[in-house]
């Protein structure tokens, strides 16, 4: 069997999708924050059966939407 037939042999950087746990490991952002971003709709994710998967492009879009460091976070009306 070739390397693509064995799960875990394709490097994360070359995968077509990643799990929330893998997204956390790739970005250094906590798993709770990743899951909250998915729940809120800020980070687009897909479902395959019971599994949640994140496409790398969706992860990049979400990362680029995060506020710049040093800028105050705008709060909505109280």
Protein backbone atom coordinates (compact mmCIF):
# COMPACT_ATOMS: atom_id res chain seq x y z
CA UNK A 1 0.00 0.00 0.00
CA UNK A 2 1.36 3.45 -0.86
CA UNK A 3 1.81 6.30 1.60
CA UNK A 4 -1.55 7.87 0.68
CA UNK A 5 -3.38 4.69 1.65
CA UNK A 6 -2.11 4.84 5.21
CA UNK A 7 -3.72 7.34 7.54
CA UNK A 8 -1.30 9.70 9.22
CA UNK A 9 1.40 9.46 6.56
CA UNK A 10 0.48 12.69 4.74
CA UNK A 11 2.05 15.72 6.46
CA UNK A 12 -0.47 18.10 8.05
CA UNK A 13 0.67 20.92 5.77
CA UNK A 14 -0.36 18.85 2.71
CA UNK A 15 -3.71 17.56 3.99
CA UNK A 16 -6.95 18.59 2.29
CA UNK A 17 -8.69 18.88 5.67
CA UNK A 18 -7.78 18.91 9.33
CA UNK A 19 -9.62 18.17 12.56
CA UNK A 20 -10.19 20.87 15.17
CA UNK A 21 -7.41 19.26 17.24
CA UNK A 22 -5.02 19.43 14.28
CA UNK A 23 -6.05 23.03 13.54
CA UNK A 24 -5.19 23.87 17.15
CA UNK A 25 -1.78 22.21 16.81
CA UNK A 26 -1.08 23.96 13.48
CA UNK A 27 -2.03 27.43 14.70
CA UNK A 28 -1.05 27.35 18.35
CA UNK A 29 -4.57 28.51 19.21
CA UNK A 30 -6.36 26.57 21.93
CA UNK A 31 -8.85 23.86 21.04
CA UNK A 32 -11.60 25.61 23.02
CA UNK A 33 -11.11 28.77 20.94
CA UNK A 34 -11.16 26.75 17.70
CA UNK A 35 -14.40 25.03 18.70
CA UNK A 36 -15.99 28.33 19.78
CA UNK A 37 -15.08 29.91 16.43
CA UNK A 38 -16.75 26.97 14.67
CA UNK A 39 -19.86 27.25 16.90
CA UNK A 40 -20.14 30.99 16.28
CA UNK A 41 -19.73 30.57 12.53
CA UNK A 42 -16.53 32.62 12.41
CA UNK A 43 -14.54 29.53 11.35
CA UNK A 44 -16.24 27.51 8.64
CA UNK A 45 -16.14 23.77 9.16
CA UNK A 46 -17.74 20.76 7.50
CA UNK A 47 -19.23 17.56 8.86
CA UNK A 48 -18.40 14.08 7.57
CA UNK A 49 -20.55 11.77 9.61
CA UNK A 50 -19.70 12.61 13.20
CA UNK A 51 -16.34 14.15 12.34
CA UNK A 52 -15.80 17.88 12.08
CA UNK A 53 -13.28 18.87 9.43
CA UNK A 54 -11.78 22.23 8.55
CA UNK A 55 -10.49 23.07 5.11
CA UNK A 56 -7.09 24.81 5.13
CA UNK A 57 -8.46 27.79 3.16
CA UNK A 58 -11.21 28.31 5.77
CA UNK A 59 -8.58 28.20 8.52
CA UNK A 60 -6.48 30.82 6.70
CA UNK A 61 -9.51 33.10 6.19
CA UNK A 62 -10.37 32.89 9.90
CA UNK A 63 -6.79 33.61 10.94
CA UNK A 64 -6.69 36.66 8.67
CA UNK A 65 -9.96 37.94 10.20
CA UNK A 66 -8.48 37.96 13.73
CA UNK A 67 -7.74 41.49 15.01
CA UNK A 68 -4.25 42.88 14.69
CA UNK A 69 -2.18 42.83 17.86
CA UNK A 70 -2.06 46.14 19.68
CA UNK A 71 -5.41 47.36 18.35
CA UNK A 72 -8.26 47.64 20.84
CA UNK A 73 -11.08 45.17 20.33
CA UNK A 74 -14.31 46.95 19.46
CA UNK A 75 -17.19 46.16 21.77
CA UNK A 76 -20.81 46.18 20.72
CA UNK A 77 -23.55 48.13 22.48
CA UNK A 78 -24.10 47.12 26.09
